[in-house]
């Protein structure tokens, strides 16, 4: 049961990234503004995402968002590191 919440929160972040990438208004924003929006949403979800974990690029003019972060789960016998790589957009 300890592993379910991080996966659910990651799913919510993935849906947010998909929405951002599909929103025409996002294409006019600078990468720093998009990154700040993603960091705010991740914080709302309680995810340990930092500025360096978010990559916003525009290859061939298409917005591409990539996020890489790790959630540590302490189980009774050992610790598990869950690696998440949500992303959205072209390229």
N, C-alpha and C. Protein backbone atom coordinates (compact mmCIF):
# COMPACT_ATOMS: atom_id res chain seq x y z
N UNK A 1 0.81 -1.20 0.00
CA UNK A 1 0.00 0.00 0.00
C UNK A 1 0.86 1.27 0.00
N UNK A 2 2.07 1.20 0.50
CA UNK A 2 2.94 2.37 0.54
C UNK A 2 3.38 2.81 -0.86
N UNK A 3 3.33 1.89 -1.82
CA UNK A 3 3.78 2.22 -3.16
C UNK A 3 2.70 2.86 -4.02
N UNK A 4 1.45 2.73 -3.65
CA UNK A 4 0.35 3.24 -4.47
C UNK A 4 0.32 4.77 -4.55
N UNK A 5 0.43 5.52 -3.45
CA UNK A 5 0.33 6.98 -3.55
C UNK A 5 1.34 7.63 -4.50
N UNK A 6 2.62 7.25 -4.50
CA UNK A 6 3.54 7.89 -5.46
C UNK A 6 3.17 7.63 -6.92
N UNK A 7 2.69 6.44 -7.21
CA UNK A 7 2.28 6.13 -8.58
C UNK A 7 1.05 6.94 -8.98
N UNK A 8 0.13 7.10 -8.06
CA UNK A 8 -1.08 7.89 -8.33
C UNK A 8 -0.72 9.36 -8.54
N UNK A 9 0.16 9.90 -7.71
CA UNK A 9 0.57 11.30 -7.85
C UNK A 9 1.35 11.49 -9.15
N UNK A 10 2.16 10.52 -9.54
CA UNK A 10 2.87 10.61 -10.80
C UNK A 10 1.89 10.61 -11.97
N UNK A 11 0.85 9.82 -11.87
CA UNK A 11 -0.19 9.79 -12.91
C UNK A 11 -0.84 11.17 -13.03
N UNK A 12 -1.10 11.81 -11.91
CA UNK A 12 -1.68 13.17 -11.93
C UNK A 12 -0.71 14.16 -12.59
N UNK A 13 0.58 14.04 -12.28
CA UNK A 13 1.57 14.93 -12.88
C UNK A 13 1.64 14.67 -14.39
N UNK A 14 1.60 13.41 -14.80
CA UNK A 14 1.63 13.08 -16.22
C UNK A 14 0.44 13.71 -16.95
N UNK A 15 -0.72 13.65 -16.38
CA UNK A 15 -1.91 14.26 -17.00
C UNK A 15 -1.74 15.76 -17.11
N UNK A 16 -1.13 16.38 -16.08
CA UNK A 16 -0.89 17.82 -16.12
C UNK A 16 0.09 18.17 -17.25
N UNK A 17 1.15 17.38 -17.39
CA UNK A 17 2.12 17.61 -18.45
C UNK A 17 1.47 17.48 -19.83
N UNK A 18 0.61 16.47 -19.99
CA UNK A 18 -0.10 16.29 -21.26
C UNK A 18 -0.96 17.51 -21.57
N UNK A 19 -1.65 18.02 -20.56
CA UNK A 19 -2.50 19.20 -20.74
C UNK A 19 -1.67 20.42 -21.12
N UNK A 20 -0.54 20.60 -20.44
CA UNK A 20 0.35 21.73 -20.76
C UNK A 20 0.85 21.64 -22.19
N UNK A 21 1.30 20.46 -22.60
CA UNK A 21 1.87 20.29 -23.94
C UNK A 21 0.84 20.52 -25.03
N UNK A 22 -0.42 20.22 -24.75
CA UNK A 22 -1.48 20.37 -25.75
C UNK A 22 -2.09 21.77 -25.77
N UNK A 23 -1.83 22.56 -24.75
CA UNK A 23 -2.42 23.89 -24.64
C UNK A 23 -1.67 24.88 -25.55
N UNK A 24 -2.35 25.48 -26.51
CA UNK A 24 -1.68 26.43 -27.41
C UNK A 24 -1.08 27.63 -26.66
N UNK A 25 -1.65 28.01 -25.55
CA UNK A 25 -1.12 29.14 -24.78
C UNK A 25 0.27 28.83 -24.21
N UNK A 26 0.55 27.57 -23.96
CA UNK A 26 1.84 27.19 -23.40
C UNK A 26 2.97 27.39 -24.40
N UNK A 27 2.67 27.24 -25.68
CA UNK A 27 3.72 27.34 -26.69
C UNK A 27 4.34 28.74 -26.74
N UNK A 28 3.63 29.76 -26.30
CA UNK A 28 4.16 31.11 -26.31
C UNK A 28 4.93 31.48 -25.05
N UNK A 29 4.89 30.63 -24.05
CA UNK A 29 5.57 30.92 -22.78
C UNK A 29 7.04 30.52 -22.85
N UNK A 30 7.90 31.27 -22.17
CA UNK A 30 9.31 30.87 -22.12
C UNK A 30 9.48 29.58 -21.30
N UNK A 31 10.53 28.82 -21.57
CA UNK A 31 10.76 27.56 -20.85
C UNK A 31 10.79 27.72 -19.33
N UNK A 32 11.31 28.85 -18.84
CA UNK A 32 11.37 29.07 -17.40
C UNK A 32 9.98 29.15 -16.78
N UNK A 33 9.04 29.77 -17.50
CA UNK A 33 7.67 29.89 -17.01
C UNK A 33 6.98 28.53 -17.00
N UNK A 34 7.23 27.73 -18.03
CA UNK A 34 6.65 26.38 -18.09
C UNK A 34 7.24 25.53 -16.96
N UNK A 35 8.55 25.63 -16.75
CA UNK A 35 9.22 24.89 -15.67
C UNK A 35 8.64 25.29 -14.32
N UNK A 36 8.44 26.58 -14.09
CA UNK A 36 7.88 27.05 -12.82
C UNK A 36 6.48 26.49 -12.61
N UNK A 37 5.68 26.44 -13.65
CA UNK A 37 4.34 25.88 -13.56
C UNK A 37 4.38 24.41 -13.18
N UNK A 38 5.30 23.68 -13.77
CA UNK A 38 5.44 22.25 -13.47
C UNK A 38 5.91 22.06 -12.03
N UNK A 39 6.86 22.86 -11.60
CA UNK A 39 7.36 22.76 -10.22
C UNK A 39 6.26 23.07 -9.21
N UNK A 40 5.43 24.06 -9.52
CA UNK A 40 4.32 24.38 -8.62
C UNK A 40 3.33 23.23 -8.52
N UNK A 41 3.00 22.63 -9.66
CA UNK A 41 2.06 21.51 -9.65
C UNK A 41 2.64 20.32 -8.90
N UNK A 42 3.91 20.03 -9.13
CA UNK A 42 4.56 18.92 -8.42
C UNK A 42 4.55 19.16 -6.92
N UNK A 43 4.80 20.39 -6.50
CA UNK A 43 4.78 20.72 -5.08
C UNK A 43 3.37 20.51 -4.50
N UNK A 44 2.35 20.92 -5.26
CA UNK A 44 0.96 20.70 -4.82
C UNK A 44 0.67 19.22 -4.63
N UNK A 45 1.27 18.39 -5.46
CA UNK A 45 1.07 16.95 -5.38
C UNK A 45 1.97 16.28 -4.35
N UNK A 46 2.88 17.05 -3.76
CA UNK A 46 3.79 16.51 -2.76
C UNK A 46 4.92 15.68 -3.35
N UNK A 47 5.27 15.95 -4.60
CA UNK A 47 6.33 15.21 -5.28
C UNK A 47 7.67 15.92 -5.14
N UNK A 48 8.76 15.17 -4.94
CA UNK A 48 10.08 15.77 -4.77
C UNK A 48 10.74 16.14 -6.10
N UNK A 49 10.12 17.07 -6.82
CA UNK A 49 10.65 17.51 -8.11
C UNK A 49 11.35 18.85 -7.91
N UNK A 50 12.59 18.94 -8.40
CA UNK A 50 13.38 20.16 -8.28
C UNK A 50 13.61 20.76 -9.67
N UNK A 51 14.05 21.99 -9.71
CA UNK A 51 14.24 22.69 -10.97
C UNK A 51 15.12 21.91 -11.95
N UNK A 52 16.18 21.31 -11.46
CA UNK A 52 17.08 20.54 -12.31
C UNK A 52 16.47 19.24 -12.83
N UNK A 53 15.34 18.84 -12.26
CA UNK A 53 14.67 17.61 -12.68
C UNK A 53 13.75 17.83 -13.88
N UNK A 54 13.52 19.09 -14.25
CA UNK A 54 12.57 19.42 -15.32
C UNK A 54 13.32 19.96 -16.52
N UNK A 55 13.05 19.38 -17.67
CA UNK A 55 13.68 19.84 -18.92
C UNK A 55 12.59 20.24 -19.89
N UNK A 56 12.62 21.49 -20.32
CA UNK A 56 11.65 22.02 -21.28
C UNK A 56 12.42 22.45 -22.52
N UNK A 57 12.11 21.83 -23.65
CA UNK A 57 12.80 22.14 -24.90
C UNK A 57 11.77 22.35 -26.01
N UNK A 58 12.26 22.88 -27.12
CA UNK A 58 11.41 23.10 -28.29
C UNK A 58 12.11 22.59 -29.55
N UNK A 59 12.33 21.28 -29.64
CA UNK A 59 12.96 20.76 -30.86
C UNK A 59 12.00 20.90 -32.04
N UNK A 60 12.49 21.44 -33.13
CA UNK A 60 11.67 21.65 -34.33
C UNK A 60 10.41 22.46 -34.04
N UNK A 61 10.47 23.34 -33.04
CA UNK A 61 9.34 24.21 -32.72
C UNK A 61 8.25 23.58 -31.88
N UNK A 62 8.36 22.29 -31.59
CA UNK A 62 7.35 21.61 -30.78
C UNK A 62 7.79 21.57 -29.32
N UNK A 63 6.89 21.86 -28.42
CA UNK A 63 7.20 21.85 -27.00
C UNK A 63 7.43 20.41 -26.53
N UNK A 64 8.51 20.18 -25.81
CA UNK A 64 8.82 18.86 -25.24
C UNK A 64 9.13 19.06 -23.77
N UNK A 65 8.45 18.30 -22.91
CA UNK A 65 8.65 18.38 -21.46
C UNK A 65 9.11 17.01 -20.97
N UNK A 66 10.19 17.01 -20.19
CA UNK A 66 10.70 15.78 -19.59
C UNK A 66 10.99 16.05 -18.12
N UNK A 67 10.57 15.14 -17.28
CA UNK A 67 10.79 15.26 -15.84
C UNK A 67 11.38 13.94 -15.35
N UNK A 68 12.36 14.02 -14.50
CA UNK A 68 12.95 12.83 -13.89
C UNK A 68 13.08 13.10 -12.39
N UNK A 69 12.47 12.25 -11.59
CA UNK A 69 12.59 12.42 -10.15
C UNK A 69 12.50 11.06 -9.46
N UNK A 70 12.96 11.03 -8.22
CA UNK A 70 13.01 9.78 -7.44
C UNK A 70 12.23 9.98 -6.15
N UNK A 71 11.41 8.98 -5.83
CA UNK A 71 10.67 8.97 -4.56
C UNK A 71 11.22 7.82 -3.73
N UNK A 72 11.67 8.12 -2.52
CA UNK A 72 12.18 7.08 -1.63
C UNK A 72 11.03 6.60 -0.74
N UNK A 73 10.87 5.28 -0.69
CA UNK A 73 9.85 4.66 0.14
C UNK A 73 10.55 3.79 1.17
N UNK A 74 10.33 4.08 2.44
CA UNK A 74 10.91 3.29 3.52
C UNK A 74 9.96 2.16 3.88
N UNK A 75 10.37 0.94 3.56
CA UNK A 75 9.61 -0.25 3.92
C UNK A 75 10.20 -0.81 5.21
N UNK A 76 9.49 -1.69 5.88
CA UNK A 76 9.99 -2.20 7.17
C UNK A 76 11.40 -2.80 7.10
N UNK A 77 11.74 -3.44 5.99
CA UNK A 77 13.03 -4.13 5.91
C UNK A 77 14.08 -3.35 5.12
N UNK A 78 13.65 -2.57 4.12
CA UNK A 78 14.59 -1.85 3.27
C UNK A 78 13.92 -0.62 2.66
N UNK A 79 14.71 0.15 1.92
CA UNK A 79 14.22 1.36 1.26
C UNK A 79 14.18 1.11 -0.25
N UNK A 80 13.11 1.57 -0.87
CA UNK A 80 12.94 1.43 -2.31
C UNK A 80 13.00 2.81 -2.94
N UNK A 81 13.77 2.95 -4.01
CA UNK A 81 13.80 4.19 -4.78
C UNK A 81 12.96 3.98 -6.03
N UNK A 82 11.88 4.74 -6.14
CA UNK A 82 11.03 4.69 -7.31
C UNK A 82 11.45 5.80 -8.27
N UNK A 83 11.84 5.44 -9.48
CA UNK A 83 12.28 6.39 -10.49
C UNK A 83 11.11 6.67 -11.44
N UNK A 84 10.74 7.94 -11.56
CA UNK A 84 9.65 8.33 -12.43
C UNK A 84 10.18 9.23 -13.54
N UNK A 85 9.65 9.05 -14.76
CA UNK A 85 10.06 9.83 -15.93
C UNK A 85 8.86 10.27 -16.74
N UNK A 86 7.99 11.09 -16.16
CA UNK A 86 6.87 11.57 -16.99
C UNK A 86 7.36 12.55 -18.03
N UNK A 87 6.67 12.59 -19.13
CA UNK A 87 7.03 13.52 -20.20
C UNK A 87 5.85 13.75 -21.12
N UNK A 88 5.95 14.78 -21.94
CA UNK A 88 4.88 15.10 -22.87
C UNK A 88 5.41 15.96 -23.99
N UNK A 89 4.66 16.00 -25.06
CA UNK A 89 5.01 16.90 -26.16
C UNK A 89 5.62 16.18 -27.34
N UNK A 90 6.01 17.00 -28.32
CA UNK A 90 6.55 16.48 -29.56
C UNK A 90 7.98 16.02 -29.47
N UNK A 91 8.45 15.47 -30.56
CA UNK A 91 9.82 14.99 -30.75
C UNK A 91 10.13 13.71 -30.08
